[in-house]
C-alpha atoms as a PDB file:
ATOM      1  CA  UNK A   1      83.448  87.724 142.089  1.00  0.00           C
ATOM      2  CA  UNK A   2      82.034  87.223 138.378  1.00  0.00           C
ATOM      3  CA  UNK A   3      80.304  90.848 138.709  1.00  0.00           C
ATOM      4  CA  UNK A   4      83.741  92.383 139.471  1.00  0.00           C
ATOM      5  CA  UNK A   5      85.255  90.806 136.788  1.00  0.00           C
ATOM      6  CA  UNK A   6      82.391  91.761 134.224  1.00  0.00           C
ATOM      7  CA  UNK A   7      82.622  95.236 135.633  1.00  0.00           C
ATOM      8  CA  UNK A   8      86.596  95.219 135.043  1.00  0.00           C
ATOM      9  CA  UNK A   9      86.148  94.249 131.480  1.00  0.00           C
ATOM     10  CA  UNK A  10      83.177  96.846 130.605  1.00  0.00           C
ATOM     11  CA  UNK A  11      85.659  99.654 132.166  1.00  0.00           C
ATOM     12  CA  UNK A  12      88.659  98.721 130.398  1.00  0.00           C
ATOM     13  CA  UNK A  13      86.840  98.529 127.170  1.00  0.00           C
ATOM     14  CA  UNK A  14      85.280 102.355 127.671  1.00  0.00           C
ATOM     15  CA  UNK A  15      88.835 103.663 129.039  1.00  0.00           C
ATOM     16  CA  UNK A  16      90.239 102.275 125.655  1.00  0.00           C
ATOM     17  CA  UNK A  17      87.395 103.384 123.242  1.00  0.00           C
ATOM     18  CA  UNK A  18      87.929 106.948 124.688  1.00  0.00           C
ATOM     19  CA  UNK A  19      91.548 107.088 125.182  1.00  0.00           C
ATOM     20  CA  UNK A  20      93.472 109.141 122.048  1.00  0.00           C
ATOM     21  CA  UNK A  21      95.258 106.346 121.224  1.00  0.00           C
ATOM     22  CA  UNK A  22      93.180 103.486 121.930  1.00  0.00           C
ATOM     23  CA  UNK A  23      94.254  99.718 121.183  1.00  0.00           C
ATOM     24  CA  UNK A  24      92.666  97.887 118.696  1.00  0.00           C
ATOM     25  CA  UNK A  25      90.246  95.178 119.829  1.00  0.00           C
ATOM     26  CA  UNK A  26      90.390  92.900 116.828  1.00  0.00           C
ATOM     27  CA  UNK A  27      91.888  93.046 113.438  1.00  0.00           C
ATOM     28  CA  UNK A  28      93.907  91.549 110.720  1.00  0.00           C
ATOM     29  CA  UNK A  29      97.430  90.791 112.171  1.00  0.00           C
ATOM     30  CA  UNK A  30     100.460  89.318 110.336  1.00  0.00           C
ATOM     31  CA  UNK A  31     102.908  86.613 111.652  1.00  0.00           C
ATOM     32  CA  UNK A  32     105.644  88.674 111.038  1.00  0.00           C
ATOM     33  CA  UNK A  33     106.044  90.309 114.742  1.00  0.00           C
ATOM     34  CA  UNK A  34     109.549  91.754 115.079  1.00  0.00           C
ATOM     35  CA  UNK A  35     112.909  92.399 113.901  1.00  0.00           C
ATOM     36  CA  UNK A  36     115.952  90.732 114.936  1.00  0.00           C
ATOM     37  CA  UNK A  37     116.578  93.932 117.076  1.00  0.00           C
ATOM     38  CA  UNK A  38     113.213  93.711 118.645  1.00  0.00           C
ATOM     39  CA  UNK A  39     111.704  96.611 117.145  1.00  0.00           C
ATOM     40  CA  UNK A  40     107.695  95.836 116.057  1.00  0.00           C
ATOM     41  CA  UNK A  41     107.051  95.776 112.378  1.00  0.00           C
ATOM     42  CA  UNK A  42     103.761  95.321 112.625  1.00  0.00           C
ATOM     43  CA  UNK A  43     103.063  99.058 112.293  1.00  0.00           C
ATOM     44  CA  UNK A  44     104.589  98.848 108.805  1.00  0.00           C
ATOM     45  CA  UNK A  45     102.590  96.190 107.515  1.00  0.00           C
ATOM     46  CA  UNK A  46      99.748  97.119 104.734  1.00  0.00           C
ATOM     47  CA  UNK A  47      96.747  95.112 103.362  1.00  0.00           C
ATOM     48  CA  UNK A  48      96.287  94.417  99.959  1.00  0.00           C
ATOM     49  CA  UNK A  49      93.291  96.619  99.486  1.00  0.00           C
ATOM     50  CA  UNK A  50      95.372  99.548 100.961  1.00  0.00           C
ATOM     51  CA  UNK A  51      98.264  98.656  98.571  1.00  0.00           C
ATOM     52  CA  UNK A  52      95.954  98.457  95.623  1.00  0.00           C
ATOM     53  CA  UNK A  53      94.357 101.983  96.386  1.00  0.00           C
ATOM     54  CA  UNK A  54      97.739 103.610  96.562  1.00  0.00           C
ATOM     55  CA  UNK A  55      99.080 101.793  93.578  1.00  0.00           C
ATOM     56  CA  UNK A  56      95.758 103.102  91.598  1.00  0.00           C
ATOM     57  CA  UNK A  57      96.058 106.658  92.537  1.00  0.00           C
ATOM     58  CA  UNK A  58     100.408 106.432  92.083  1.00  0.00           C
ATOM     59  CA  UNK A  59     100.378 107.091  95.857  1.00  0.00           C
ATOM     60  CA  UNK A  60     103.335 104.813  96.645  1.00  0.00           C
ATOM     61  CA  UNK A  61     106.673 103.598  95.027  1.00  0.00           C
ATOM     62  CA  UNK A  62     106.924  99.834  94.938  1.00  0.00           C
ATOM     63  CA  UNK A  63     110.153  97.936  96.054  1.00  0.00           C
ATOM     64  CA  UNK A  64     110.637  94.514  94.939  1.00  0.00           C
ATOM     65  CA  UNK A  65     113.022  92.763  97.690  1.00  0.00           C
ATOM     66  CA  UNK A  66     113.558  89.567  95.808  1.00  0.00           C
ATOM     67  CA  UNK A  67     116.549  88.865  93.437  1.00  0.00           C
ATOM     68  CA  UNK A  68     117.141  90.551  90.076  1.00  0.00           C
ATOM     69  CA  UNK A  69     116.648  87.071  88.399  1.00  0.00           C
ATOM     70  CA  UNK A  70     113.222  86.787  90.123  1.00  0.00           C
ATOM     71  CA  UNK A  71     112.046  90.282  89.603  1.00  0.00           C
ATOM     72  CA  UNK A  72     112.917  89.972  85.795  1.00  0.00           C
ATOM     73  CA  UNK A  73     110.684  86.978  85.563  1.00  0.00           C
ATOM     74  CA  UNK A  74     107.777  88.944  87.134  1.00  0.00           C
ATOM     75  CA  UNK A  75     106.881  91.826  89.424  1.00  0.00           C
ATOM     76  CA  UNK A  76     104.248  94.551  90.078  1.00  0.00           C
ATOM     77  CA  UNK A  77     104.062  96.797  87.311  1.00  0.00           C
ATOM     78  CA  UNK A  78     106.310  99.770  87.872  1.00  0.00           C
ATOM     79  CA  UNK A  79     108.079  98.369  90.889  1.00  0.00           C
ATOM     80  CA  UNK A  80     111.991  98.894  91.651  1.00  0.00           C
ATOM     81  CA  UNK A  81     114.199  96.002  92.233  1.00  0.00           C
ATOM     82  CA  UNK A  82     116.023  96.373  95.555  1.00  0.00           C
ATOM     83  CA  UNK A  83     117.264  92.864  96.604  1.00  0.00           C
ATOM     84  CA  UNK A  84     118.329  92.498 100.159  1.00  0.00           C
ATOM     85  CA  UNK A  85     121.558  91.020  99.318  1.00  0.00           C
ATOM     86  CA  UNK A  86     122.421  93.805  97.039  1.00  0.00           C
ATOM     87  CA  UNK A  87     120.889  96.672  99.392  1.00  0.00           C
ATOM     88  CA  UNK A  88     124.005  98.471 100.292  1.00  0.00           C
ATOM     89  CA  UNK A  89     125.602  98.557  96.596  1.00  0.00           C
ATOM     90  CA  UNK A  90     122.044  99.407  94.787  1.00  0.00           C
ATOM     91  CA  UNK A  91     120.518 101.633  97.201  1.00  0.00           C
ATOM     92  CA  UNK A  92     121.495 104.918  96.141  1.00  0.00           C
ATOM     93  CA  UNK A  93     120.758 104.365  92.503  1.00  0.00           C
ATOM     94  CA  UNK A  94     117.201 102.617  93.238  1.00  0.00           C
ATOM     95  CA  UNK A  95     116.261 105.477  95.825  1.00  0.00           C
ATOM     96  CA  UNK A  96     117.389 108.392  94.002  1.00  0.00           C
ATOM     97  CA  UNK A  97     114.422 107.650  92.030  1.00  0.00           C
ATOM     98  CA  UNK A  98     112.069 108.057  94.962  1.00  0.00           C
ATOM     99  CA  UNK A  99     111.198 111.078  96.603  1.00  0.00           C
ATOM    100  CA  UNK A 100     112.222 111.086 100.761  1.00  0.00           C
ATOM    101  CA  UNK A 101     108.661 111.819 101.634  1.00  0.00           C
ATOM    102  CA  UNK A 102     107.017 108.699  99.215  1.00  0.00           C
ATOM    103  CA  UNK A 103     105.086 105.920 100.681  1.00  0.00           C
ATOM    104  CA  UNK A 104     107.398 103.167  99.785  1.00  0.00           C
ATOM    105  CA  UNK A 105     105.808  99.430  99.787  1.00  0.00           C
ATOM    106  CA  UNK A 106     108.257  96.528  99.809  1.00  0.00           C
ATOM    107  CA  UNK A 107     107.239  92.998  98.949  1.00  0.00           C
ATOM    108  CA  UNK A 108     108.913  89.597  98.328  1.00  0.00           C
ATOM    109  CA  UNK A 109     107.043  86.258  98.148  1.00  0.00           C
ATOM    110  CA  UNK A 110     105.698  83.909 100.561  1.00  0.00           C
ATOM    111  CA  UNK A 111     104.057  84.263 104.003  1.00  0.00           C
ATOM    112  CA  UNK A 112     107.455  83.975 105.840  1.00  0.00           C
ATOM    113  CA  UNK A 113     109.847  85.657 103.377  1.00  0.00           C
ATOM    114  CA  UNK A 114     111.817  88.253 105.127  1.00  0.00           C
ATOM    115  CA  UNK A 115     113.340  90.404 102.371  1.00  0.00           C
ATOM    116  CA  UNK A 116     110.462  92.708 102.384  1.00  0.00           C
ATOM    117  CA  UNK A 117     110.891  93.090 106.251  1.00  0.00           C
ATOM    118  CA  UNK A 118     114.459  93.552 106.281  1.00  0.00           C
ATOM    119  CA  UNK A 119     114.613  96.215 103.243  1.00  0.00           C
ATOM    120  CA  UNK A 120     111.673  98.082 104.756  1.00  0.00           C
ATOM    121  CA  UNK A 121     113.621  98.127 108.209  1.00  0.00           C
ATOM    122  CA  UNK A 122     116.653  99.326 106.621  1.00  0.00           C
ATOM    123  CA  UNK A 123     114.937 102.121 104.283  1.00  0.00           C
ATOM    124  CA  UNK A 124     113.205 103.274 107.753  1.00  0.00           C
ATOM    125  CA  UNK A 125     116.577 103.606 109.483  1.00  0.00           C
ATOM    126  CA  UNK A 126     117.885 105.492 106.504  1.00  0.00           C
ATOM    127  CA  UNK A 127     115.218 107.983 106.834  1.00  0.00           C
ATOM    128  CA  UNK A 128     112.254 106.924 104.775  1.00  0.00           C
ATOM    129  CA  UNK A 129     109.460 107.692 107.243  1.00  0.00           C
ATOM    130  CA  UNK A 130     106.349 106.102 105.295  1.00  0.00           C
ATOM    131  CA  UNK A 131     107.689 102.489 104.534  1.00  0.00           C
ATOM    132  CA  UNK A 132     105.220  99.611 104.451  1.00  0.00           C
ATOM    133  CA  UNK A 133     105.361  95.647 104.256  1.00  0.00           C
ATOM    134  CA  UNK A 134     103.303  93.825 101.819  1.00  0.00           C
ATOM    135  CA  UNK A 135     103.174  90.435 103.542  1.00  0.00           C
ATOM    136  CA  UNK A 136     103.338  87.671 100.737  1.00  0.00           C
ATOM    137  CA  UNK A 137     103.101  90.774  98.107  1.00  0.00           C
ATOM    138  CA  UNK A 138     103.893  88.728  94.996  1.00  0.00           C
ATOM    139  CA  UNK A 139     101.289  85.984  95.558  1.00  0.00           C
ATOM    140  CA  UNK A 140      98.615  88.374  96.984  1.00  0.00           C
ATOM    141  CA  UNK A 141      98.940  90.983  94.064  1.00  0.00           C
ATOM    142  CA  UNK A 142      98.579  88.261  91.333  1.00  0.00           C
ATOM    143  CA  UNK A 143      95.734  86.690  93.218  1.00  0.00           C
ATOM    144  CA  UNK A 144      94.040  90.050  93.189  1.00  0.00           C
ATOM    145  CA  UNK A 145      94.539  90.072  89.495  1.00  0.00           C
ATOM    146  CA  UNK A 146      96.291  93.416  89.640  1.00  0.00           C
ATOM    147  CA  UNK A 147      98.832  94.842  87.014  1.00  0.00           C
ATOM    148  CA  UNK A 148     102.088  92.930  86.594  1.00  0.00           C
ATOM    149  CA  UNK A 149     104.979  93.046  84.190  1.00  0.00           C
ATOM    150  CA  UNK A 150     108.202  90.969  83.346  1.00  0.00           C
ATOM    151  CA  UNK A 151     109.478  88.408  80.882  1.00  0.00           C
ATOM    152  CA  UNK A 152     107.418  85.292  81.642  1.00  0.00           C
ATOM    153  CA  UNK A 153     104.210  87.410  82.795  1.00  0.00           C
ATOM    154  CA  UNK A 154     101.416  88.671  80.568  1.00  0.00           C
ATOM    155  CA  UNK A 155     101.216  92.498  81.848  1.00  0.00           C
ATOM    156  CA  UNK A 156      97.126  92.966  82.555  1.00  0.00           C
END
């Protein structure tokens, strides 16, 4: 019986390996797993390393989903502010600055902050196909020593 189970595991790993869209066996997973509508958001999550590389090459537009007051205190250098609670009224003006094919990285602060996820899902629904979410973005950005700006933050 153990031999049959072992053979089944080996066979499934081989099939997964050679499958064109194989499933990841291991990796870094986020606590954010689904939206209210049941749509998976894991596909949108980006790591700090990927976000850093895109920032350094001007390959993405960063969207701060926090309130305007918090944004003014400090944000990722060059990030645009699009608070979730003002999304409908601010969306046209903010996104007019963003080409539709751009990679857009949303962030807020806190491991369980829902604002970046909600803004990202709404942007994706409005036709922005390259939306990503930087979980706990403000904190991990500062911890990585990456450039910030704002009234209470010293730019790096």
